[in-house]
Amino acid sequence: MMNTRCSIILNSLVVVALLAGVGAGTAWAGPVSVIGGLTREATLQPGGRTEGRIILRNNSNEPQEVKVYQTDYLFWADGRNEYGEPGSTPRSNAPWIVHTPQQLTVPPKGTGSVDYALQVPAQEGLSGTYWSMLMVEPIAAETLEPPRAEEGKVTLGISARSCATRSRW
């Protein structure tokens, strides 16, 4: 039997706004912002479930394409942060979370949403805090356009992107 006095605190989703133009609340002047706080917390028992929605607002006059993906998250007292493959750290809750969509277009001056569900395994011995992150990252418009083809030539488009430091454990 599970100890009902022992809760699992799940810092289930920490939505990270990358520097490429996504900001939190109304404090950021980038084209897309996350409405509300960047942290979603839930206190659940083993076998418990919670659902939620992350609302994104497009502050520009152009449609904005964003992708949403998950990472693990570790942090240290000295300020270091590491973002690893989902499920790669011992205190990861990434395997417990499903989110949709993975990519969306937020209309001009409009909103879009990402739904998530977190299902804690019904497993004895779970206690403490478990972490992962949903990353919300804008996709540059020029990367969505295929390169212009020239007759008689093979065309290949390559783009580079800057991302948060990722480490494998």
C-alpha atoms as a PDB file:
ATOM      1  CA  MET A   1       0.000   0.000   0.000  1.00  0.00           C
ATOM      2  CA  MET A   2       1.243   3.477  -0.853  1.00  0.00           C
ATOM      3  CA  ASN A   3       1.843   5.965   1.907  1.00  0.00           C
ATOM      4  CA  THR A   4      -0.794   8.639   1.250  1.00  0.00           C
ATOM      5  CA  ARG A   5       1.021  11.102   3.513  1.00  0.00           C
ATOM      6  CA  CYS A   6       4.016  11.151   1.170  1.00  0.00           C
ATOM      7  CA  SER A   7       3.345  13.420  -1.793  1.00  0.00           C
ATOM      8  CA  ILE A   8       5.377  13.620  -4.943  1.00  0.00           C
ATOM      9  CA  ILE A   9       6.101  17.194  -5.858  1.00  0.00           C
ATOM     10  CA  LEU A  10       6.422  17.386  -9.590  1.00  0.00           C
ATOM     11  CA  ASN A  11       7.887  20.484 -11.067  1.00  0.00           C
ATOM     12  CA  SER A  12       6.262  19.032 -14.075  1.00  0.00           C
ATOM     13  CA  LEU A  13       6.837  21.627 -16.689  1.00  0.00           C
ATOM     14  CA  VAL A  14       9.181  24.509 -16.755  1.00  0.00           C
ATOM     15  CA  VAL A  15       8.563  26.283 -20.009  1.00  0.00           C
ATOM     16  CA  VAL A  16      11.778  27.835 -21.207  1.00  0.00           C
ATOM     17  CA  ALA A  17      11.684  30.828 -23.458  1.00  0.00           C
ATOM     18  CA  LEU A  18      14.783  30.800 -25.613  1.00  0.00           C
ATOM     19  CA  LEU A  19      16.552  34.038 -26.440  1.00  0.00           C
ATOM     20  CA  ALA A  20      15.542  33.876 -30.086  1.00  0.00           C
ATOM     21  CA  GLY A  21      12.448  35.922 -29.424  1.00  0.00           C
ATOM     22  CA  VAL A  22      10.137  34.041 -27.065  1.00  0.00           C
ATOM     23  CA  GLY A  23       9.478  35.766 -23.775  1.00  0.00           C
ATOM     24  CA  ALA A  24       7.551  35.277 -20.558  1.00  0.00           C
ATOM     25  CA  GLY A  25       4.330  37.112 -19.901  1.00  0.00           C
ATOM     26  CA  THR A  26       4.264  40.683 -21.139  1.00  0.00           C
ATOM     27  CA  ALA A  27       7.760  41.564 -19.952  1.00  0.00           C
ATOM     28  CA  TRP A  28       9.423  40.552 -23.227  1.00  0.00           C
ATOM     29  CA  ALA A  29       9.111  42.447 -26.474  1.00  0.00           C
ATOM     30  CA  GLY A  30       9.801  39.415 -28.680  1.00  0.00           C
ATOM     31  CA  PRO A  31       7.292  38.242 -31.245  1.00  0.00           C
ATOM     32  CA  VAL A  32       5.904  35.358 -29.135  1.00  0.00           C
ATOM     33  CA  SER A  33       5.355  35.287 -25.388  1.00  0.00           C
ATOM     34  CA  VAL A  34       4.179  32.667 -22.915  1.00  0.00           C
ATOM     35  CA  ILE A  35       1.110  33.943 -21.083  1.00  0.00           C
ATOM     36  CA  GLY A  36       1.310  33.299 -17.349  1.00  0.00           C
ATOM     37  CA  GLY A  37       4.201  31.890 -15.373  1.00  0.00           C
ATOM     38  CA  LEU A  38       6.893  29.724 -16.868  1.00  0.00           C
ATOM     39  CA  THR A  39       6.635  27.043 -14.172  1.00  0.00           C
ATOM     40  CA  ARG A  40       3.844  24.506 -13.781  1.00  0.00           C
ATOM     41  CA  GLU A  41       3.891  22.566 -10.521  1.00  0.00           C
ATOM     42  CA  ALA A  42       1.656  19.758  -9.317  1.00  0.00           C
ATOM     43  CA  THR A  43       1.661  17.721  -6.125  1.00  0.00           C
ATOM     44  CA  LEU A  44       0.464  14.220  -6.994  1.00  0.00           C
ATOM     45  CA  GLN A  45       0.417  10.760  -5.501  1.00  0.00           C
ATOM     46  CA  PRO A  46       1.792   7.758  -7.412  1.00  0.00           C
ATOM     47  CA  GLY A  47      -0.812   7.001 -10.084  1.00  0.00           C
ATOM     48  CA  GLY A  48      -2.018  10.634 -10.088  1.00  0.00           C
ATOM     49  CA  ARG A  49      -2.704  12.656 -13.206  1.00  0.00           C
ATOM     50  CA  THR A  50      -2.877  16.326 -14.131  1.00  0.00           C
ATOM     51  CA  GLU A  51      -3.467  18.206 -17.363  1.00  0.00           C
ATOM     52  CA  GLY A  52      -2.859  21.757 -18.449  1.00  0.00           C
ATOM     53  CA  ARG A  53      -2.493  24.216 -21.268  1.00  0.00           C
ATOM     54  CA  ILE A  54       0.271  26.661 -22.127  1.00  0.00           C
ATOM     55  CA  ILE A  55      -0.956  29.739 -23.996  1.00  0.00           C
ATOM     56  CA  LEU A  56       1.359  31.500 -26.436  1.00  0.00           C
ATOM     57  CA  ARG A  57       0.690  35.029 -27.686  1.00  0.00           C
ATOM     58  CA  ASN A  58       2.008  36.438 -30.953  1.00  0.00           C
ATOM     59  CA  ASN A  59       2.772  40.139 -30.475  1.00  0.00           C
ATOM     60  CA  SER A  60       3.686  40.719 -34.127  1.00  0.00           C
ATOM     61  CA  ASN A  61       1.735  41.433 -37.303  1.00  0.00           C
ATOM     62  CA  GLU A  62       3.072  38.276 -38.968  1.00  0.00           C
ATOM     63  CA  PRO A  63       2.293  34.612 -38.249  1.00  0.00           C
ATOM     64  CA  GLN A  64       4.963  33.045 -36.025  1.00  0.00           C
ATOM     65  CA  GLU A  65       5.963  29.384 -36.251  1.00  0.00           C
ATOM     66  CA  VAL A  66       7.178  27.762 -33.003  1.00  0.00           C
ATOM     67  CA  LYS A  67       8.284  24.292 -32.056  1.00  0.00           C
ATOM     68  CA  VAL A  68       7.787  22.696 -28.665  1.00  0.00           C
ATOM     69  CA  TYR A  69      10.026  19.906 -27.421  1.00  0.00           C
ATOM     70  CA  GLN A  70      11.018  18.351 -24.128  1.00  0.00           C
ATOM     71  CA  THR A  71      14.354  18.151 -22.322  1.00  0.00           C
ATOM     72  CA  ASP A  72      15.532  17.005 -18.934  1.00  0.00           C
ATOM     73  CA  TYR A  73      16.777  19.684 -16.591  1.00  0.00           C
ATOM     74  CA  LEU A  74      19.518  19.792 -13.969  1.00  0.00           C
ATOM     75  CA  PHE A  75      20.694  22.830 -12.042  1.00  0.00           C
ATOM     76  CA  TRP A  76      23.397  23.556  -9.473  1.00  0.00           C
ATOM     77  CA  ALA A  77      23.859  26.126  -6.716  1.00  0.00           C
ATOM     78  CA  ASP A  78      26.629  27.816  -8.708  1.00  0.00           C
ATOM     79  CA  GLY A  79      24.089  28.763 -11.404  1.00  0.00           C
ATOM     80  CA  ARG A  80      24.901  26.067 -13.950  1.00  0.00           C
ATOM     81  CA  ASN A  81      22.002  24.523 -15.881  1.00  0.00           C
ATOM     82  CA  GLU A  82      22.027  21.483 -18.141  1.00  0.00           C
ATOM     83  CA  TYR A  83      19.364  20.362 -20.571  1.00  0.00           C
ATOM     84  CA  GLY A  84      19.607  16.679 -21.432  1.00  0.00           C
ATOM     85  CA  GLU A  85      17.735  14.146 -23.483  1.00  0.00           C
ATOM     86  CA  PRO A  86      14.257  13.506 -22.050  1.00  0.00           C
ATOM     87  CA  GLY A  87      14.328  10.704 -19.470  1.00  0.00           C
ATOM     88  CA  SER A  88      18.126  10.665 -19.168  1.00  0.00           C
ATOM     89  CA  THR A  89      18.417  11.836 -15.549  1.00  0.00           C
ATOM     90  CA  PRO A  90      17.371   9.902 -12.424  1.00  0.00           C
ATOM     91  CA  ARG A  91      14.835  12.582 -11.304  1.00  0.00           C
ATOM     92  CA  SER A  92      13.295  13.087 -14.750  1.00  0.00           C
ATOM     93  CA  ASN A  93       9.539  13.128 -15.180  1.00  0.00           C
ATOM     94  CA  ALA A  94       9.839  13.381 -18.978  1.00  0.00           C
ATOM     95  CA  PRO A  95       8.482   9.856 -19.622  1.00  0.00           C
ATOM     96  CA  TRP A  96       5.339  10.792 -17.682  1.00  0.00           C
ATOM     97  CA  ILE A  97       4.463  13.814 -19.871  1.00  0.00           C
ATOM     98  CA  VAL A  98       2.783  14.013 -23.254  1.00  0.00           C
ATOM     99  CA  HIS A  99       2.311  17.335 -25.045  1.00  0.00           C
ATOM    100  CA  THR A 100       0.702  18.389 -28.286  1.00  0.00           C
ATOM    101  CA  PRO A 101       1.338  19.906 -30.764  1.00  0.00           C
ATOM    102  CA  GLN A 102       5.069  19.715 -31.355  1.00  0.00           C
ATOM    103  CA  GLN A 103       4.905  22.621 -33.805  1.00  0.00           C
ATOM    104  CA  LEU A 104       2.317  25.337 -34.357  1.00  0.00           C
ATOM    105  CA  THR A 105       1.702  28.607 -36.113  1.00  0.00           C
ATOM    106  CA  VAL A 106       0.547  31.417 -33.831  1.00  0.00           C
ATOM    107  CA  PRO A 107      -1.551  33.878 -35.866  1.00  0.00           C
ATOM    108  CA  PRO A 108      -0.714  37.599 -35.991  1.00  0.00           C
ATOM    109  CA  LYS A 109      -1.815  39.363 -32.780  1.00  0.00           C
ATOM    110  CA  GLY A 110      -3.413  36.041 -31.771  1.00  0.00           C
ATOM    111  CA  THR A 111      -2.795  33.099 -29.476  1.00  0.00           C
ATOM    112  CA  GLY A 112      -1.972  29.430 -29.772  1.00  0.00           C
ATOM    113  CA  SER A 113      -1.887  26.690 -27.182  1.00  0.00           C
ATOM    114  CA  VAL A 114       0.077  23.612 -26.188  1.00  0.00           C
ATOM    115  CA  ASP A 115      -1.788  20.997 -24.150  1.00  0.00           C
ATOM    116  CA  TYR A 116       0.006  18.639 -21.794  1.00  0.00           C
ATOM    117  CA  ALA A 117      -0.875  15.692 -19.586  1.00  0.00           C
ATOM    118  CA  LEU A 118       1.255  14.247 -16.808  1.00  0.00           C
ATOM    119  CA  GLN A 119       0.578  10.716 -15.534  1.00  0.00           C
ATOM    120  CA  VAL A 120       2.669   9.599 -12.554  1.00  0.00           C
ATOM    121  CA  PRO A 121       3.348   5.848 -12.569  1.00  0.00           C
ATOM    122  CA  ALA A 122       1.499   3.891  -9.872  1.00  0.00           C
ATOM    123  CA  GLN A 123       4.819   2.750  -8.438  1.00  0.00           C
ATOM    124  CA  GLU A 124       5.746   2.455  -4.783  1.00  0.00           C
ATOM    125  CA  GLY A 125       8.858   4.284  -3.676  1.00  0.00           C
ATOM    126  CA  LEU A 126       8.327   7.440  -5.721  1.00  0.00           C
ATOM    127  CA  SER A 127       8.873  10.515  -3.601  1.00  0.00           C
ATOM    128  CA  GLY A 128      10.484  13.887  -3.940  1.00  0.00           C
ATOM    129  CA  THR A 129      10.741  16.272  -6.861  1.00  0.00           C
ATOM    130  CA  TYR A 130      10.910  15.249 -10.527  1.00  0.00           C
ATOM    131  CA  TRP A 131      11.822  17.643 -13.335  1.00  0.00           C
ATOM    132  CA  SER A 132      11.756  18.176 -17.058  1.00  0.00           C
ATOM    133  CA  MET A 133      11.180  21.121 -19.384  1.00  0.00           C
ATOM    134  CA  LEU A 134       9.091  21.949 -22.363  1.00  0.00           C
ATOM    135  CA  MET A 135      11.102  24.228 -24.596  1.00  0.00           C
ATOM    136  CA  VAL A 136       9.223  26.744 -26.743  1.00  0.00           C
ATOM    137  CA  GLU A 137      11.426  27.864 -29.604  1.00  0.00           C
ATOM    138  CA  PRO A 138      10.615  30.165 -32.515  1.00  0.00           C
ATOM    139  CA  ILE A 139      11.373  28.892 -35.991  1.00  0.00           C
ATOM    140  CA  ALA A 140      12.915  31.526 -38.253  1.00  0.00           C
ATOM    141  CA  ALA A 141      10.697  32.166 -41.287  1.00  0.00           C
ATOM    142  CA  GLU A 142      13.619  31.799 -43.697  1.00  0.00           C
ATOM    143  CA  THR A 143      14.192  28.214 -42.542  1.00  0.00           C
ATOM    144  CA  LEU A 144      10.617  27.314 -43.496  1.00  0.00           C
ATOM    145  CA  GLU A 145      11.156  28.366 -47.098  1.00  0.00           C
ATOM    146  CA  PRO A 146      12.884  25.898 -49.435  1.00  0.00           C
ATOM    147  CA  PRO A 147      15.878  27.296 -51.313  1.00  0.00           C
ATOM    148  CA  ARG A 148      15.190  28.681 -54.775  1.00  0.00           C
ATOM    149  CA  ALA A 149      15.812  26.049 -57.416  1.00  0.00           C
ATOM    150  CA  GLU A 150      17.752  26.848 -60.541  1.00  0.00           C
ATOM    151  CA  GLU A 151      17.159  24.922 -63.713  1.00  0.00           C
ATOM    152  CA  GLY A 152      19.744  22.198 -64.256  1.00  0.00           C
ATOM    153  CA  LYS A 153      21.237  22.539 -60.751  1.00  0.00           C
ATOM    154  CA  VAL A 154      20.822  20.594 -57.535  1.00  0.00           C
ATOM    155  CA  THR A 155      19.822  22.874 -54.676  1.00  0.00           C
ATOM    156  CA  LEU A 156      20.462  22.143 -51.018  1.00  0.00           C
ATOM    157  CA  GLY A 157      19.502  24.384 -48.115  1.00  0.00           C
ATOM    158  CA  ILE A 158      21.380  24.257 -44.814  1.00  0.00           C
ATOM    159  CA  SER A 159      20.682  26.362 -41.765  1.00  0.00           C
ATOM    160  CA  ALA A 160      22.296  26.551 -38.356  1.00  0.00           C
ATOM    161  CA  ARG A 161      20.581  27.378 -35.109  1.00  0.00           C
ATOM    162  CA  SER A 162      21.805  28.312 -31.703  1.00  0.00           C
ATOM    163  CA  CYS A 163      20.328  26.320 -28.838  1.00  0.00           C
ATOM    164  CA  ALA A 164      20.612  25.855 -25.103  1.00  0.00           C
ATOM    165  CA  THR A 165      23.556  23.833 -23.854  1.00  0.00           C
ATOM    166  CA  ARG A 166      22.696  20.155 -23.942  1.00  0.00           C
ATOM    167  CA  SER A 167      24.603  17.491 -22.147  1.00  0.00           C
ATOM    168  CA  ARG A 168      24.256  13.735 -22.116  1.00  0.00           C
ATOM    169  CA  TRP A 169      24.668  11.853 -18.868  1.00  0.00           C
END
